[in-house]
Amino acid sequence: MNSQSVAGLLGAIVASIVLVVAVAYGPIGQFGKPAKPASIQQPAPVQAQPVPAAPAPRGPVIREVPN
């Protein structure tokens, strides 16, 4: 076996390992994973919250600049 065939064999092994890991952890939908239970969402009660007061207006910042 020459070095090119060894490199090709090792590359194929690494590629197959990467594909197996990608299939195991990848987002393929529900294939091989348990179904998620449907959750019933309850509407949250609407509560009247007080409106926060507006901040006091601020004037321009005047700095003394040395000549």
PDB file of N, CA and C in Angstrom:
ATOM      1  N   MET A   1       0.852  -1.181   0.000  1.00  0.00           N
ATOM      2  CA  MET A   1       0.000   0.000   0.000  1.00  0.00           C
ATOM      3  C   MET A   1       0.896   1.242   0.000  1.00  0.00           C
ATOM      4  N   ASN A   2       0.557   2.142  -0.864  1.00  0.00           N
ATOM      5  CA  ASN A   2       1.327   3.378  -0.866  1.00  0.00           C
ATOM      6  C   ASN A   2       0.639   4.423   0.009  1.00  0.00           C
ATOM      7  N   SER A   3       1.249   5.568   0.148  1.00  0.00           N
ATOM      8  CA  SER A   3       0.747   6.578   1.089  1.00  0.00           C
ATOM      9  C   SER A   3      -0.582   7.169   0.630  1.00  0.00           C
ATOM     10  N   GLN A   4      -0.839   7.206  -0.677  1.00  0.00           N
ATOM     11  CA  GLN A   4      -2.102   7.763  -1.147  1.00  0.00           C
ATOM     12  C   GLN A   4      -3.276   6.859  -0.788  1.00  0.00           C
ATOM     13  N   SER A   5      -3.095   5.583  -0.880  1.00  0.00           N
ATOM     14  CA  SER A   5      -4.195   4.677  -0.535  1.00  0.00           C
ATOM     15  C   SER A   5      -4.445   4.673   0.973  1.00  0.00           C
ATOM     16  N   VAL A   6      -3.387   4.788   1.765  1.00  0.00           N
ATOM     17  CA  VAL A   6      -3.554   4.868   3.220  1.00  0.00           C
ATOM     18  C   VAL A   6      -4.282   6.154   3.593  1.00  0.00           C
ATOM     19  N   ALA A   7      -3.893   7.247   2.930  1.00  0.00           N
ATOM     20  CA  ALA A   7      -4.562   8.525   3.210  1.00  0.00           C
ATOM     21  C   ALA A   7      -6.024   8.472   2.789  1.00  0.00           C
ATOM     22  N   GLY A   8      -6.311   7.849   1.683  1.00  0.00           N
ATOM     23  CA  GLY A   8      -7.699   7.712   1.244  1.00  0.00           C
ATOM     24  C   GLY A   8      -8.519   6.873   2.200  1.00  0.00           C
ATOM     25  N   LEU A   9      -7.938   5.795   2.693  1.00  0.00           N
ATOM     26  CA  LEU A   9      -8.635   4.939   3.652  1.00  0.00           C
ATOM     27  C   LEU A   9      -8.908   5.682   4.955  1.00  0.00           C
ATOM     28  N   LEU A  10      -7.892   6.384   5.457  1.00  0.00           N
ATOM     29  CA  LEU A  10      -8.092   7.156   6.695  1.00  0.00           C
ATOM     30  C   LEU A  10      -9.093   8.288   6.486  1.00  0.00           C
ATOM     31  N   GLY A  11      -9.071   8.917   5.329  1.00  0.00           N
ATOM     32  CA  GLY A  11     -10.051   9.966   5.032  1.00  0.00           C
ATOM     33  C   GLY A  11     -11.463   9.432   4.989  1.00  0.00           C
ATOM     34  N   ALA A  12     -11.641   8.243   4.417  1.00  0.00           N
ATOM     35  CA  ALA A  12     -12.969   7.635   4.377  1.00  0.00           C
ATOM     36  C   ALA A  12     -13.458   7.279   5.775  1.00  0.00           C
ATOM     37  N   ILE A  13     -12.558   6.801   6.618  1.00  0.00           N
ATOM     38  CA  ILE A  13     -12.936   6.472   7.998  1.00  0.00           C
ATOM     39  C   ILE A  13     -13.340   7.727   8.754  1.00  0.00           C
ATOM     40  N   VAL A  14     -12.566   8.788   8.625  1.00  0.00           N
ATOM     41  CA  VAL A  14     -12.895  10.047   9.313  1.00  0.00           C
ATOM     42  C   VAL A  14     -14.203  10.619   8.781  1.00  0.00           C
ATOM     43  N   ALA A  15     -14.415  10.569   7.472  1.00  0.00           N
ATOM     44  CA  ALA A  15     -15.654  11.084   6.898  1.00  0.00           C
ATOM     45  C   ALA A  15     -16.866  10.306   7.381  1.00  0.00           C
ATOM     46  N   SER A  16     -16.739   8.984   7.490  1.00  0.00           N
ATOM     47  CA  SER A  16     -17.871   8.190   7.971  1.00  0.00           C
ATOM     48  C   SER A  16     -18.165   8.484   9.437  1.00  0.00           C
ATOM     49  N   ILE A  17     -17.131   8.701  10.236  1.00  0.00           N
ATOM     50  CA  ILE A  17     -17.347   9.053  11.654  1.00  0.00           C
ATOM     51  C   ILE A  17     -18.048  10.401  11.758  1.00  0.00           C
ATOM     52  N   VAL A  18     -17.621  11.361  10.948  1.00  0.00           N
ATOM     53  CA  VAL A  18     -18.251  12.688  10.971  1.00  0.00           C
ATOM     54  C   VAL A  18     -19.715  12.590  10.556  1.00  0.00           C
ATOM     55  N   LEU A  19     -20.021  11.795   9.543  1.00  0.00           N
ATOM     56  CA  LEU A  19     -21.411  11.638   9.117  1.00  0.00           C
ATOM     57  C   LEU A  19     -22.272  10.980  10.188  1.00  0.00           C
ATOM     58  N   VAL A  20     -21.728   9.986  10.872  1.00  0.00           N
ATOM     59  CA  VAL A  20     -22.491   9.332  11.940  1.00  0.00           C
ATOM     60  C   VAL A  20     -22.787  10.313  13.067  1.00  0.00           C
ATOM     61  N   VAL A  21     -21.797  11.116  13.443  1.00  0.00           N
ATOM     62  CA  VAL A  21     -22.005  12.106  14.511  1.00  0.00           C
ATOM     63  C   VAL A  21     -22.999  13.165  14.058  1.00  0.00           C
ATOM     64  N   ALA A  22     -22.923  13.598  12.798  1.00  0.00           N
ATOM     65  CA  ALA A  22     -23.858  14.604  12.296  1.00  0.00           C
ATOM     66  C   ALA A  22     -25.286  14.083  12.283  1.00  0.00           C
ATOM     67  N   VAL A  23     -25.476  12.825  11.936  1.00  0.00           N
ATOM     68  CA  VAL A  23     -26.824  12.253  11.941  1.00  0.00           C
ATOM     69  C   VAL A  23     -27.322  12.091  13.364  1.00  0.00           C
ATOM     70  N   ALA A  24     -26.448  11.720  14.282  1.00  0.00           N
ATOM     71  CA  ALA A  24     -26.867  11.495  15.667  1.00  0.00           C
ATOM     72  C   ALA A  24     -27.258  12.792  16.360  1.00  0.00           C
ATOM     73  N   TYR A  25     -26.516  13.878  16.100  1.00  0.00           N
ATOM     74  CA  TYR A  25     -26.764  15.128  16.812  1.00  0.00           C
ATOM     75  C   TYR A  25     -27.404  16.201  15.953  1.00  0.00           C
ATOM     76  N   GLY A  26     -27.602  15.960  14.687  1.00  0.00           N
ATOM     77  CA  GLY A  26     -28.110  16.983  13.788  1.00  0.00           C
ATOM     78  C   GLY A  26     -29.618  17.113  13.836  1.00  0.00           C
ATOM     79  N   PRO A  27     -30.116  18.246  13.341  1.00  0.00           N
ATOM     80  CA  PRO A  27     -31.567  18.470  13.320  1.00  0.00           C
ATOM     81  C   PRO A  27     -32.220  17.785  12.123  1.00  0.00           C
ATOM     82  N   ILE A  28     -32.581  16.529  12.270  1.00  0.00           N
ATOM     83  CA  ILE A  28     -33.210  15.786  11.185  1.00  0.00           C
ATOM     84  C   ILE A  28     -34.711  15.658  11.453  1.00  0.00           C
ATOM     85  N   GLY A  29     -35.238  16.383  12.367  1.00  0.00           N
ATOM     86  CA  GLY A  29     -36.659  16.288  12.686  1.00  0.00           C
ATOM     87  C   GLY A  29     -36.885  15.265  13.783  1.00  0.00           C
ATOM     88  N   GLN A  30     -37.955  14.500  13.654  1.00  0.00           N
ATOM     89  CA  GLN A  30     -38.322  13.546  14.691  1.00  0.00           C
ATOM     90  C   GLN A  30     -37.754  12.160  14.438  1.00  0.00           C
ATOM     91  N   PHE A  31     -36.854  12.012  13.469  1.00  0.00           N
ATOM     92  CA  PHE A  31     -36.295  10.705  13.153  1.00  0.00           C
ATOM     93  C   PHE A  31     -35.430  10.202  14.299  1.00  0.00           C
ATOM     94  N   GLY A  32     -35.863   9.158  14.969  1.00  0.00           N
ATOM     95  CA  GLY A  32     -35.090   8.554  16.041  1.00  0.00           C
ATOM     96  C   GLY A  32     -35.142   9.309  17.353  1.00  0.00           C
ATOM     97  N   LYS A  33     -36.028  10.280  17.464  1.00  0.00           N
ATOM     98  CA  LYS A  33     -36.133  11.064  18.700  1.00  0.00           C
ATOM     99  C   LYS A  33     -37.570  10.976  19.211  1.00  0.00           C
ATOM    100  N   PRO A  34     -37.759  11.004  20.526  1.00  0.00           N
ATOM    101  CA  PRO A  34     -39.125  10.929  21.051  1.00  0.00           C
ATOM    102  C   PRO A  34     -39.924  12.167  20.688  1.00  0.00           C
ATOM    103  N   ALA A  35     -41.209  11.991  20.495  1.00  0.00           N
ATOM    104  CA  ALA A  35     -42.084  13.105  20.151  1.00  0.00           C
ATOM    105  C   ALA A  35     -42.262  14.015  21.362  1.00  0.00           C
ATOM    106  N   LYS A  36     -42.329  15.296  21.089  1.00  0.00           N
ATOM    107  CA  LYS A  36     -42.526  16.265  22.173  1.00  0.00           C
ATOM    108  C   LYS A  36     -44.018  16.340  22.498  1.00  0.00           C
ATOM    109  N   PRO A  37     -44.360  16.351  23.780  1.00  0.00           N
ATOM    110  CA  PRO A  37     -45.787  16.442  24.120  1.00  0.00           C
ATOM    111  C   PRO A  37     -46.329  17.831  23.792  1.00  0.00           C
ATOM    112  N   ALA A  38     -47.570  17.849  23.330  1.00  0.00           N
ATOM    113  CA  ALA A  38     -48.212  19.119  23.007  1.00  0.00           C
ATOM    114  C   ALA A  38     -48.560  19.830  24.309  1.00  0.00           C
ATOM    115  N   SER A  39     -48.217  21.078  24.401  1.00  0.00           N
ATOM    116  CA  SER A  39     -48.508  21.832  25.623  1.00  0.00           C
ATOM    117  C   SER A  39     -49.694  22.755  25.380  1.00  0.00           C
ATOM    118  N   ILE A  40     -50.546  22.823  26.374  1.00  0.00           N
ATOM    119  CA  ILE A  40     -51.710  23.700  26.305  1.00  0.00           C
ATOM    120  C   ILE A  40     -51.319  25.024  26.934  1.00  0.00           C
ATOM    121  N   GLN A  41     -51.441  26.078  26.167  1.00  0.00           N
ATOM    122  CA  GLN A  41     -51.041  27.383  26.677  1.00  0.00           C
ATOM    123  C   GLN A  41     -52.259  28.122  27.208  1.00  0.00           C
ATOM    124  N   GLN A  42     -52.138  28.584  28.423  1.00  0.00           N
ATOM    125  CA  GLN A  42     -53.192  29.350  29.058  1.00  0.00           C
ATOM    126  C   GLN A  42     -52.942  30.829  28.779  1.00  0.00           C
ATOM    127  N   PRO A  43     -53.984  31.581  28.410  1.00  0.00           N
ATOM    128  CA  PRO A  43     -53.771  33.012  28.212  1.00  0.00           C
ATOM    129  C   PRO A  43     -53.475  33.687  29.547  1.00  0.00           C
ATOM    130  N   ALA A  44     -52.479  34.546  29.536  1.00  0.00           N
ATOM    131  CA  ALA A  44     -52.088  35.240  30.760  1.00  0.00           C
ATOM    132  C   ALA A  44     -53.124  36.305  31.092  1.00  0.00           C
ATOM    133  N   PRO A  45     -53.468  36.439  32.373  1.00  0.00           N
ATOM    134  CA  PRO A  45     -54.430  37.488  32.740  1.00  0.00           C
ATOM    135  C   PRO A  45     -53.818  38.870  32.502  1.00  0.00           C
ATOM    136  N   VAL A  46     -54.641  39.741  31.981  1.00  0.00           N
ATOM    137  CA  VAL A  46     -54.181  41.095  31.678  1.00  0.00           C
ATOM    138  C   VAL A  46     -54.296  41.938  32.931  1.00  0.00           C
ATOM    139  N   GLN A  47     -53.181  42.502  33.349  1.00  0.00           N
ATOM    140  CA  GLN A  47     -53.178  43.340  34.534  1.00  0.00           C
ATOM    141  C   GLN A  47     -52.833  44.764  34.120  1.00  0.00           C
ATOM    142  N   ALA A  48     -53.527  45.707  34.727  1.00  0.00           N
ATOM    143  CA  ALA A  48     -53.241  47.104  34.432  1.00  0.00           C
ATOM    144  C   ALA A  48     -51.991  47.505  35.200  1.00  0.00           C
ATOM    145  N   GLN A  49     -50.959  47.882  34.465  1.00  0.00           N
ATOM    146  CA  GLN A  49     -49.723  48.300  35.100  1.00  0.00           C
ATOM    147  C   GLN A  49     -49.621  49.816  35.013  1.00  0.00           C
ATOM    148  N   PRO A  50     -49.120  50.430  36.068  1.00  0.00           N
ATOM    149  CA  PRO A  50     -49.007  51.891  36.022  1.00  0.00           C
ATOM    150  C   PRO A  50     -47.975  52.315  34.982  1.00  0.00           C
ATOM    151  N   VAL A  51     -48.259  53.427  34.355  1.00  0.00           N
ATOM    152  CA  VAL A  51     -47.355  53.949  33.335  1.00  0.00           C
ATOM    153  C   VAL A  51     -46.206  54.654  34.048  1.00  0.00           C
ATOM    154  N   PRO A  52     -44.946  54.304  33.733  1.00  0.00           N
ATOM    155  CA  PRO A  52     -43.828  54.975  34.395  1.00  0.00           C
ATOM    156  C   PRO A  52     -43.750  56.439  33.977  1.00  0.00           C
ATOM    157  N   ALA A  53     -43.362  57.267  34.925  1.00  0.00           N
ATOM    158  CA  ALA A  53     -43.267  58.696  34.654  1.00  0.00           C
ATOM    159  C   ALA A  53     -42.110  58.961  33.695  1.00  0.00           C
ATOM    160  N   ALA A  54     -42.300  59.966  32.853  1.00  0.00           N
ATOM    161  CA  ALA A  54     -41.258  60.319  31.901  1.00  0.00           C
ATOM    162  C   ALA A  54     -40.086  60.949  32.654  1.00  0.00           C
ATOM    163  N   PRO A  55     -38.864  60.684  32.221  1.00  0.00           N
ATOM    164  CA  PRO A  55     -37.722  61.293  32.905  1.00  0.00           C
ATOM    165  C   PRO A  55     -37.703  62.799  32.688  1.00  0.00           C
ATOM    166  N   ALA A  56     -37.115  63.487  33.649  1.00  0.00           N
ATOM    167  CA  ALA A  56     -37.046  64.945  33.561  1.00  0.00           C
ATOM    168  C   ALA A  56     -36.189  65.339  32.363  1.00  0.00           C
ATOM    169  N   PRO A  57     -36.592  66.376  31.621  1.00  0.00           N
ATOM    170  CA  PRO A  57     -35.796  66.791  30.466  1.00  0.00           C
ATOM    171  C   PRO A  57     -34.446  67.349  30.909  1.00  0.00           C
ATOM    172  N   ARG A  58     -33.427  67.004  30.153  1.00  0.00           N
ATOM    173  CA  ARG A  58     -32.087  67.471  30.497  1.00  0.00           C
ATOM    174  C   ARG A  58     -31.639  68.459  29.434  1.00  0.00           C
ATOM    175  N   GLY A  59     -30.947  69.477  29.876  1.00  0.00           N
ATOM    176  CA  GLY A  59     -30.443  70.494  28.957  1.00  0.00           C
ATOM    177  C   GLY A  59     -29.125  70.072  28.351  1.00  0.00           C
ATOM    178  N   PRO A  60     -28.581  70.912  27.498  1.00  0.00           N
ATOM    179  CA  PRO A  60     -27.301  70.583  26.874  1.00  0.00           C
ATOM    180  C   PRO A  60     -26.164  70.634  27.885  1.00  0.00           C
ATOM    181  N   VAL A  61     -25.157  69.837  27.656  1.00  0.00           N
ATOM    182  CA  VAL A  61     -23.995  69.810  28.526  1.00  0.00           C
ATOM    183  C   VAL A  61     -23.017  70.869  28.032  1.00  0.00           C
ATOM    184  N   ILE A  62     -22.679  71.811  28.922  1.00  0.00           N
ATOM    185  CA  ILE A  62     -21.757  72.898  28.558  1.00  0.00           C
ATOM    186  C   ILE A  62     -20.473  72.685  29.331  1.00  0.00           C
ATOM    187  N   ARG A  63     -19.391  72.552  28.598  1.00  0.00           N
ATOM    188  CA  ARG A  63     -18.102  72.350  29.247  1.00  0.00           C
ATOM    189  C   ARG A  63     -17.192  73.526  28.893  1.00  0.00           C
ATOM    190  N   GLU A  64     -16.384  73.908  29.866  1.00  0.00           N
ATOM    191  CA  GLU A  64     -15.446  74.985  29.596  1.00  0.00           C
ATOM    192  C   GLU A  64     -14.242  74.408  28.882  1.00  0.00           C
ATOM    193  N   VAL A  65     -13.856  75.035  27.770  1.00  0.00           N
ATOM    194  CA  VAL A  65     -12.730  74.567  26.979  1.00  0.00           C
ATOM    195  C   VAL A  65     -11.605  75.569  27.159  1.00  0.00           C
ATOM    196  N   PRO A  66     -10.414  75.128  27.570  1.00  0.00           N
ATOM    197  CA  PRO A  66      -9.313  76.083  27.723  1.00  0.00           C
ATOM    198  C   PRO A  66      -8.845  76.604  26.352  1.00  0.00           C
ATOM    199  N   ASN A  67      -8.432  77.862  26.341  1.00  0.00           N
ATOM    200  CA  ASN A  67      -7.973  78.471  25.085  1.00  0.00           C
ATOM    201  C   ASN A  67      -6.563  78.098  24.762  1.00  0.00           C
TER     202      ASN A  67
END
